[in-house]
N, C-alpha and C. Protein backbone atom coordinates (compact mmCIF):
# COMPACT_ATOMS: atom_id res chain seq x y z
N MET A 1 0.79 -1.36 0.03
CA MET A 1 0.07 0.15 -0.16
C MET A 1 0.75 1.42 -0.04
N ASN A 2 2.04 1.37 0.85
CA ASN A 2 2.80 2.32 0.77
C ASN A 2 3.33 2.82 -0.73
N LYS A 3 3.55 1.94 -1.63
CA LYS A 3 4.41 2.11 -2.80
C LYS A 3 3.60 2.84 -3.69
N LEU A 4 1.88 2.76 -3.41
CA LEU A 4 0.92 3.44 -3.98
C LEU A 4 1.07 5.17 -4.10
N TYR A 5 1.44 5.11 -2.77
CA TYR A 5 1.51 6.69 -2.07
C TYR A 5 2.76 7.27 -2.37
N GLN A 6 3.73 6.71 -2.85
CA GLN A 6 4.86 6.99 -2.74
C GLN A 6 5.07 8.26 -4.11
N THR A 7 5.72 9.11 -4.04
CA THR A 7 5.78 9.79 -5.27
C THR A 7 7.37 10.07 -5.46
N LYS A 8 7.63 10.24 -6.72
CA LYS A 8 8.67 10.21 -7.18
C LYS A 8 9.17 12.04 -7.55
N LYS A 9 10.18 12.14 -7.51
CA LYS A 9 10.57 13.82 -7.46
C LYS A 9 11.68 13.51 -8.82
N LEU A 10 11.26 14.53 -10.02
CA LEU A 10 11.74 14.34 -11.02
C LEU A 10 12.43 15.70 -11.15
N LYS A 11 13.55 15.86 -11.57
CA LYS A 11 14.51 16.91 -11.76
C LYS A 11 14.22 17.55 -13.03
N ALA A 12 13.54 18.99 -12.93
CA ALA A 12 13.27 19.64 -13.96
C ALA A 12 13.32 21.05 -13.84
N PHE A 13 13.06 21.84 -15.11
CA PHE A 13 13.01 23.47 -15.00
C PHE A 13 11.94 23.93 -14.54
N THR A 14 11.85 24.87 -13.78
CA THR A 14 10.60 25.33 -13.76
C THR A 14 9.99 26.61 -14.71
N LEU A 15 8.76 27.12 -14.74
CA LEU A 15 7.92 27.60 -15.87
C LEU A 15 9.01 28.99 -15.89
N THR A 16 9.00 29.40 -14.80
CA THR A 16 9.88 30.72 -14.74
C THR A 16 11.29 30.58 -14.90
N GLU A 17 11.99 29.67 -14.88
CA GLU A 17 13.18 29.51 -15.50
C GLU A 17 13.15 29.59 -17.06
N VAL A 18 12.20 28.79 -17.36
CA VAL A 18 12.25 28.59 -19.10
C VAL A 18 11.84 30.03 -19.52
N LEU A 19 10.81 30.76 -18.92
CA LEU A 19 10.82 31.95 -19.50
C LEU A 19 11.85 33.04 -19.75
N VAL A 20 12.34 32.90 -18.27
CA VAL A 20 13.56 33.77 -18.35
C VAL A 20 14.54 33.54 -19.68
N VAL A 21 14.92 32.35 -19.64
CA VAL A 21 15.72 31.84 -20.81
C VAL A 21 15.21 32.35 -22.03
N LEU A 22 14.21 31.94 -22.34
CA LEU A 22 13.35 32.48 -23.72
C LEU A 22 13.56 34.42 -23.79
N VAL A 23 13.43 34.64 -22.88
CA VAL A 23 13.43 36.48 -22.63
C VAL A 23 14.87 36.90 -23.14
N ILE A 24 16.01 36.22 -22.44
CA ILE A 24 17.17 36.64 -22.83
C ILE A 24 17.51 36.13 -23.75
N VAL A 25 17.40 34.96 -24.68
CA VAL A 25 17.31 34.42 -26.09
C VAL A 25 17.00 35.65 -27.00
N GLY A 26 15.51 36.09 -26.53
CA GLY A 26 14.95 37.07 -27.31
C GLY A 26 15.75 38.39 -27.73
N ILE A 27 16.24 38.69 -26.53
CA ILE A 27 16.88 40.06 -26.17
C ILE A 27 18.01 39.98 -27.35
N LEU A 28 18.99 38.80 -27.06
CA LEU A 28 20.10 38.47 -28.02
C LEU A 28 19.42 38.38 -29.12
N VAL A 29 18.50 38.05 -29.80
CA VAL A 29 18.40 38.12 -31.24
C VAL A 29 18.01 39.69 -31.64
N LEU A 30 17.17 40.26 -30.78
CA LEU A 30 17.02 41.66 -31.36
C LEU A 30 18.41 42.39 -31.35
N LEU A 31 19.38 42.11 -30.43
CA LEU A 31 20.53 43.04 -30.56
C LEU A 31 21.52 42.58 -31.93
N ALA A 32 21.00 41.05 -32.33
CA ALA A 32 22.36 40.46 -33.24
C ALA A 32 21.79 41.02 -34.82
N LEU A 33 20.12 40.84 -34.74
CA LEU A 33 19.50 41.26 -35.76
C LEU A 33 19.97 42.49 -36.69
N PRO A 34 19.72 43.51 -36.18
CA PRO A 34 20.59 44.77 -37.34
C PRO A 34 21.47 44.25 -37.97
N ASN A 35 22.69 44.01 -37.38
CA ASN A 35 24.32 43.55 -37.84
C ASN A 35 23.80 42.56 -38.82
N LEU A 36 22.58 41.63 -38.93
CA LEU A 36 22.65 40.40 -39.85
C LEU A 36 22.13 40.96 -41.04
N LEU A 37 21.21 42.03 -41.06
CA LEU A 37 20.28 42.64 -42.26
C LEU A 37 21.24 42.47 -43.44
N PRO A 38 22.55 43.45 -43.34
CA PRO A 38 23.24 43.37 -44.70
C PRO A 38 23.61 42.10 -44.99
N LEU A 39 23.95 41.00 -44.31
CA LEU A 39 24.41 39.65 -44.78
C LEU A 39 23.15 39.37 -45.45
N ILE A 40 21.98 39.31 -44.85
CA ILE A 40 20.69 38.60 -45.36
C ILE A 40 20.61 39.42 -46.85
N THR A 41 20.82 40.90 -47.20
CA THR A 41 20.80 41.42 -48.29
C THR A 41 21.63 40.95 -49.25
N LYS A 42 22.67 40.81 -48.65
CA LYS A 42 23.59 40.37 -49.42
C LYS A 42 23.56 39.05 -50.24
N ALA A 43 23.41 37.91 -49.23
CA ALA A 43 22.71 36.65 -49.85
C ALA A 43 21.50 36.50 -50.65
N LYS A 44 20.83 37.44 -50.44
CA LYS A 44 19.47 37.52 -51.61
C LYS A 44 19.79 37.83 -52.62
N SER A 45 20.79 38.97 -53.06
CA SER A 45 21.36 39.45 -54.24
C SER A 45 21.98 38.54 -55.04
N THR A 46 22.29 37.71 -54.21
CA THR A 46 23.22 36.14 -55.38
C THR A 46 21.97 35.85 -56.31
N GLU A 47 20.85 36.08 -55.95
CA GLU A 47 19.66 35.36 -56.82
C GLU A 47 19.71 36.12 -58.19
N ALA A 48 19.48 37.77 -57.81
CA ALA A 48 19.81 38.59 -59.25
C ALA A 48 20.88 38.44 -59.94
N LYS A 49 22.26 38.03 -59.67
CA LYS A 49 23.34 38.03 -60.05
C LYS A 49 23.23 36.84 -60.97
N VAL A 50 22.72 35.67 -60.21
CA VAL A 50 22.76 34.33 -61.05
C VAL A 50 21.80 34.38 -62.10
N GLN A 51 20.40 35.22 -61.95
CA GLN A 51 19.51 34.91 -62.76
C GLN A 51 19.98 36.18 -64.09
N LEU A 52 20.61 37.13 -63.61
CA LEU A 52 21.10 38.30 -64.61
C LEU A 52 22.34 37.56 -65.71
N GLU A 53 23.28 36.50 -64.96
CA GLU A 53 24.38 35.82 -65.96
C GLU A 53 23.71 34.89 -66.58
N HIS A 54 22.82 34.13 -66.20
CA HIS A 54 22.18 33.40 -67.07
C HIS A 54 21.28 33.80 -68.12
N LEU A 55 20.81 34.99 -67.90
CA LEU A 55 19.96 35.60 -69.05
C LEU A 55 21.21 36.15 -69.98
N TYR A 56 22.53 36.62 -69.58
CA TYR A 56 23.38 37.28 -70.61
C TYR A 56 23.64 35.86 -71.38
N THR A 57 23.94 34.53 -70.79
CA THR A 57 24.18 33.90 -71.68
C THR A 57 23.13 33.38 -72.66
N LEU A 58 22.17 33.72 -72.11
CA LEU A 58 20.98 33.33 -73.03
C LEU A 58 20.75 34.28 -74.25
N GLU A 59 21.01 35.80 -74.05
CA GLU A 59 21.06 36.77 -74.82
C GLU A 59 22.58 36.26 -76.02
N LYS A 60 23.47 36.01 -75.36
CA LYS A 60 24.65 35.52 -76.13
C LYS A 60 24.32 34.83 -77.23
N ASN A 61 23.87 33.66 -76.96
CA ASN A 61 23.37 32.65 -77.81
C ASN A 61 22.27 32.82 -78.77
N TYR A 62 21.27 34.03 -78.53
CA TYR A 62 20.42 34.21 -79.40
C TYR A 62 21.18 35.53 -80.46
N PHE A 63 22.17 35.84 -79.56
CA PHE A 63 23.15 37.05 -80.71
C PHE A 63 23.87 36.13 -81.93
N TYR A 64 24.37 35.33 -81.18
CA TYR A 64 25.04 34.28 -82.20
C TYR A 64 24.20 33.60 -83.50
N GLU A 65 23.12 33.58 -83.18
CA GLU A 65 22.10 32.75 -83.88
C GLU A 65 21.47 33.82 -84.89
N HIS A 66 21.03 35.11 -84.23
CA HIS A 66 20.49 36.03 -84.94
C HIS A 66 20.88 37.31 -85.37
N SER A 67 22.12 37.43 -84.72
CA SER A 67 23.16 38.70 -85.46
C SER A 67 22.72 40.04 -84.49
N LYS A 68 21.60 39.70 -83.37
CA LYS A 68 21.09 40.80 -82.69
C LYS A 68 20.82 40.70 -81.47
N TYR A 69 20.54 41.47 -80.55
CA TYR A 69 20.10 41.16 -79.15
C TYR A 69 18.54 41.04 -79.16
N SER A 70 17.80 40.42 -78.40
CA SER A 70 16.40 40.24 -78.10
C SER A 70 15.96 41.02 -76.82
N ASN A 71 14.92 41.80 -77.13
CA ASN A 71 14.30 42.59 -76.06
C ASN A 71 12.80 41.58 -75.46
N ASP A 72 12.94 40.34 -75.88
CA ASP A 72 11.81 39.56 -75.41
C ASP A 72 12.37 38.49 -74.38
N LEU A 73 12.09 37.96 -73.34
CA LEU A 73 12.59 37.10 -72.45
C LEU A 73 11.84 35.70 -73.18
N ASN A 74 10.79 35.70 -73.64
CA ASN A 74 10.52 34.30 -74.28
C ASN A 74 11.11 34.00 -75.62
N ALA A 75 11.81 34.84 -76.13
CA ALA A 75 12.60 34.62 -77.63
C ALA A 75 13.80 33.87 -77.15
N VAL A 76 14.19 34.37 -76.08
CA VAL A 76 15.67 33.53 -75.68
C VAL A 76 15.58 32.65 -74.57
N SER A 77 14.30 32.31 -74.17
CA SER A 77 13.98 30.83 -73.51
C SER A 77 14.20 31.40 -71.99
N PHE A 78 14.23 32.31 -71.68
CA PHE A 78 14.29 32.80 -70.21
C PHE A 78 13.18 32.66 -69.46
N VAL A 79 12.86 31.53 -68.56
CA VAL A 79 11.73 31.33 -67.83
C VAL A 79 11.96 32.21 -66.22
N GLN A 80 11.12 33.29 -65.95
CA GLN A 80 10.96 33.61 -65.04
C GLN A 80 10.30 32.84 -63.69
N GLU A 81 11.04 32.77 -62.81
CA GLU A 81 10.38 32.13 -61.70
C GLU A 81 9.20 32.32 -61.09
N LYS A 82 8.45 31.95 -60.49
CA LYS A 82 7.21 32.60 -59.99
C LYS A 82 7.78 33.51 -58.64
N LEU A 83 7.23 34.60 -58.44
CA LEU A 83 7.70 35.95 -57.50
C LEU A 83 7.14 35.34 -56.18
N SER A 84 7.78 35.62 -55.22
CA SER A 84 7.47 35.36 -53.86
C SER A 84 6.42 36.23 -53.30
N THR A 85 5.83 37.32 -53.94
CA THR A 85 4.63 37.94 -53.84
C THR A 85 3.35 37.52 -54.52
N GLU A 86 3.84 36.38 -55.11
CA GLU A 86 2.51 35.66 -55.90
C GLU A 86 1.85 34.63 -55.52
N GLY A 87 2.05 34.25 -54.42
CA GLY A 87 1.42 33.22 -53.69
C GLY A 87 2.40 32.35 -52.81
N ASP A 88 1.88 31.37 -52.51
CA ASP A 88 2.40 30.03 -51.80
C ASP A 88 3.67 29.58 -52.63
N LYS A 89 3.40 29.61 -53.53
CA LYS A 89 4.67 28.66 -54.39
C LYS A 89 5.60 29.29 -55.20
N GLY A 90 5.51 30.80 -54.91
CA GLY A 90 6.62 31.90 -55.51
C GLY A 90 7.70 31.87 -54.56
N GLN A 91 9.18 31.61 -54.79
CA GLN A 91 10.44 32.00 -54.16
C GLN A 91 11.22 33.10 -54.69
N ALA A 92 10.87 33.29 -56.18
CA ALA A 92 11.98 34.35 -56.72
C ALA A 92 11.88 35.80 -55.72
N ASN A 93 12.87 36.40 -55.68
CA ASN A 93 12.70 37.86 -54.87
C ASN A 93 12.87 38.70 -55.92
N TYR A 94 13.51 38.39 -57.05
CA TYR A 94 13.77 39.27 -58.23
C TYR A 94 12.84 39.26 -59.35
N ARG A 95 12.48 40.25 -59.90
CA ARG A 95 11.70 40.53 -61.43
C ARG A 95 12.80 41.03 -62.15
N VAL A 96 13.03 39.92 -63.27
CA VAL A 96 14.07 40.25 -64.51
C VAL A 96 13.30 40.93 -65.63
N GLU A 97 13.73 41.55 -65.99
CA GLU A 97 13.22 42.33 -67.62
C GLU A 97 14.62 42.73 -68.62
N ILE A 98 14.18 42.59 -69.40
CA ILE A 98 15.24 43.19 -70.67
C ILE A 98 14.61 44.51 -71.00
N VAL A 99 15.88 45.55 -70.60
CA VAL A 99 15.25 46.84 -70.52
C VAL A 99 15.59 47.58 -72.15
N GLU A 100 16.47 47.32 -72.36
CA GLU A 100 17.40 47.69 -73.66
C GLU A 100 17.84 46.64 -74.63
N ALA A 101 17.47 46.38 -75.82
CA ALA A 101 18.04 45.62 -76.94
C ALA A 101 17.96 46.34 -77.88
N SER A 102 19.44 45.82 -78.64
CA SER A 102 19.48 46.33 -80.08
C SER A 102 20.47 45.43 -80.85
N THR A 103 20.79 45.59 -82.13
CA THR A 103 21.75 44.94 -83.10
C THR A 103 23.01 44.98 -82.32
N THR A 104 23.36 45.78 -81.38
CA THR A 104 24.89 45.34 -80.85
C THR A 104 24.61 45.55 -79.31
N THR A 105 23.58 45.95 -78.48
CA THR A 105 24.06 46.11 -76.98
C THR A 105 22.59 45.57 -76.50
N PHE A 106 22.74 45.51 -75.27
CA PHE A 106 21.48 45.35 -74.37
C PHE A 106 21.61 45.25 -73.26
N VAL A 107 20.64 45.71 -72.30
CA VAL A 107 20.72 45.95 -70.87
C VAL A 107 19.67 45.26 -70.37
N ALA A 108 19.99 44.20 -69.22
CA ALA A 108 18.76 43.66 -68.75
C ALA A 108 18.98 44.22 -67.18
N ARG A 109 17.56 44.03 -66.35
CA ARG A 109 17.78 44.33 -64.97
C ARG A 109 16.98 43.35 -64.20
N ALA A 110 17.49 43.32 -63.11
CA ALA A 110 16.66 42.64 -61.85
C ALA A 110 16.32 43.21 -60.87
N THR A 111 15.03 43.34 -60.34
CA THR A 111 14.43 44.62 -59.27
C THR A 111 13.91 43.49 -58.21
N ALA A 112 14.12 44.10 -57.21
CA ALA A 112 13.76 43.08 -56.12
C ALA A 112 12.05 43.52 -55.69
N VAL A 113 11.34 42.67 -55.56
CA VAL A 113 9.99 42.64 -55.34
C VAL A 113 9.91 42.85 -53.95
N VAL A 114 10.85 42.41 -52.95
CA VAL A 114 10.79 42.47 -51.70
C VAL A 114 11.80 43.32 -51.09
N ASP A 115 11.18 44.37 -50.25
CA ASP A 115 12.21 45.15 -49.27
C ASP A 115 13.08 44.49 -48.54
N PHE A 116 14.11 44.03 -48.49
CA PHE A 116 15.00 43.26 -47.45
C PHE A 116 15.07 43.94 -46.29
N ASP A 117 15.31 45.27 -46.23
CA ASP A 117 15.59 45.83 -44.81
C ASP A 117 14.55 46.75 -44.56
N GLY A 118 13.32 46.47 -45.16
CA GLY A 118 12.23 47.49 -44.64
C GLY A 118 12.64 48.99 -44.62
N ASP A 119 13.39 49.47 -45.70
CA ASP A 119 13.96 50.91 -45.71
C ASP A 119 12.91 51.89 -47.00
N GLY A 120 12.31 51.01 -47.57
CA GLY A 120 11.64 51.49 -48.58
C GLY A 120 12.18 51.41 -50.23
N THR A 121 13.33 51.08 -49.98
CA THR A 121 14.43 50.91 -51.23
C THR A 121 14.27 49.56 -51.61
N PHE A 122 14.13 49.52 -52.63
CA PHE A 122 14.06 47.87 -53.38
C PHE A 122 15.70 48.07 -54.54
N ASN A 123 16.27 46.76 -54.13
CA ASN A 123 17.46 46.63 -54.40
C ASN A 123 17.34 46.24 -56.28
N VAL A 124 18.00 46.72 -56.93
CA VAL A 124 18.07 46.58 -58.53
C VAL A 124 19.75 46.33 -59.19
N TRP A 125 19.67 45.39 -59.94
CA TRP A 125 20.98 45.08 -60.25
C TRP A 125 20.87 44.96 -62.00
N GLU A 126 21.83 45.43 -62.66
CA GLU A 126 21.74 45.30 -64.18
C GLU A 126 23.13 44.51 -64.73
N ILE A 127 22.67 44.17 -66.17
CA ILE A 127 24.10 43.49 -66.60
C ILE A 127 23.84 44.06 -67.96
N ASP A 128 24.86 44.09 -68.73
CA ASP A 128 25.07 44.48 -70.34
C ASP A 128 25.50 43.71 -71.14
N GLN A 129 25.98 43.63 -72.42
CA GLN A 129 26.41 42.80 -73.45
C GLN A 129 27.67 42.65 -73.19
N ASP A 130 28.31 43.25 -72.23
CA ASP A 130 29.78 42.91 -72.06
C ASP A 130 29.96 42.11 -70.93
N LYS A 131 28.91 41.81 -70.33
CA LYS A 131 28.80 41.02 -69.24
C LYS A 131 29.23 42.20 -67.67
N ASN A 132 28.87 43.28 -68.09
CA ASN A 132 29.08 44.05 -66.84
C ASN A 132 27.85 44.46 -65.74
N LEU A 133 28.20 43.67 -64.79
CA LEU A 133 27.06 43.50 -63.66
C LEU A 133 27.42 44.47 -62.61
N ARG A 134 26.21 45.38 -62.52
CA ARG A 134 26.28 46.19 -61.09
C ARG A 134 25.04 46.39 -60.84
N GLU A 135 25.44 46.88 -59.34
CA GLU A 135 24.26 47.24 -58.48
C GLU A 135 23.63 48.69 -58.92
N VAL A 136 22.59 49.04 -59.40
CA VAL A 136 22.09 50.32 -59.50
C VAL A 136 21.77 50.84 -58.38
N VAL A 137 20.88 50.47 -57.53
CA VAL A 137 20.23 50.61 -56.28
C VAL A 137 20.45 49.89 -55.30
N GLN A 138 21.35 50.21 -54.28
CA GLN A 138 21.36 49.18 -53.37
C GLN A 138 20.31 49.40 -51.92
N ASP A 139 20.08 48.18 -51.58
CA ASP A 139 19.17 48.24 -50.60
C ASP A 139 19.56 47.75 -49.10
């Protein structure tokens, strides 16, 4: 009978201790976040660079076949990924477009559809026929 009423004590943290730890972790994250935002923006801008370099390759192939650059993304077989602002399945953070195309030159632009650091400025990258990749607007 005594064994039924015997209680076993388990070592555990109290609710107060867990909440204090969560508050401390939250404060540390808030202190570190402003320092990490430029790194996040830099990492996301890699998407724009890769997409523009891919479009550059497609434009060069089109140029070798037709002796001119195209101003149509479909003509060079560039597929714009679904944008992150277009619903659940969208993952692309940049809208890619051909700004200018002629027989000797072209300029393509990747414009961010998401404001990475919340300052109201959207990141913009451009590439030309000489593969000069440059950041036009920094976010």
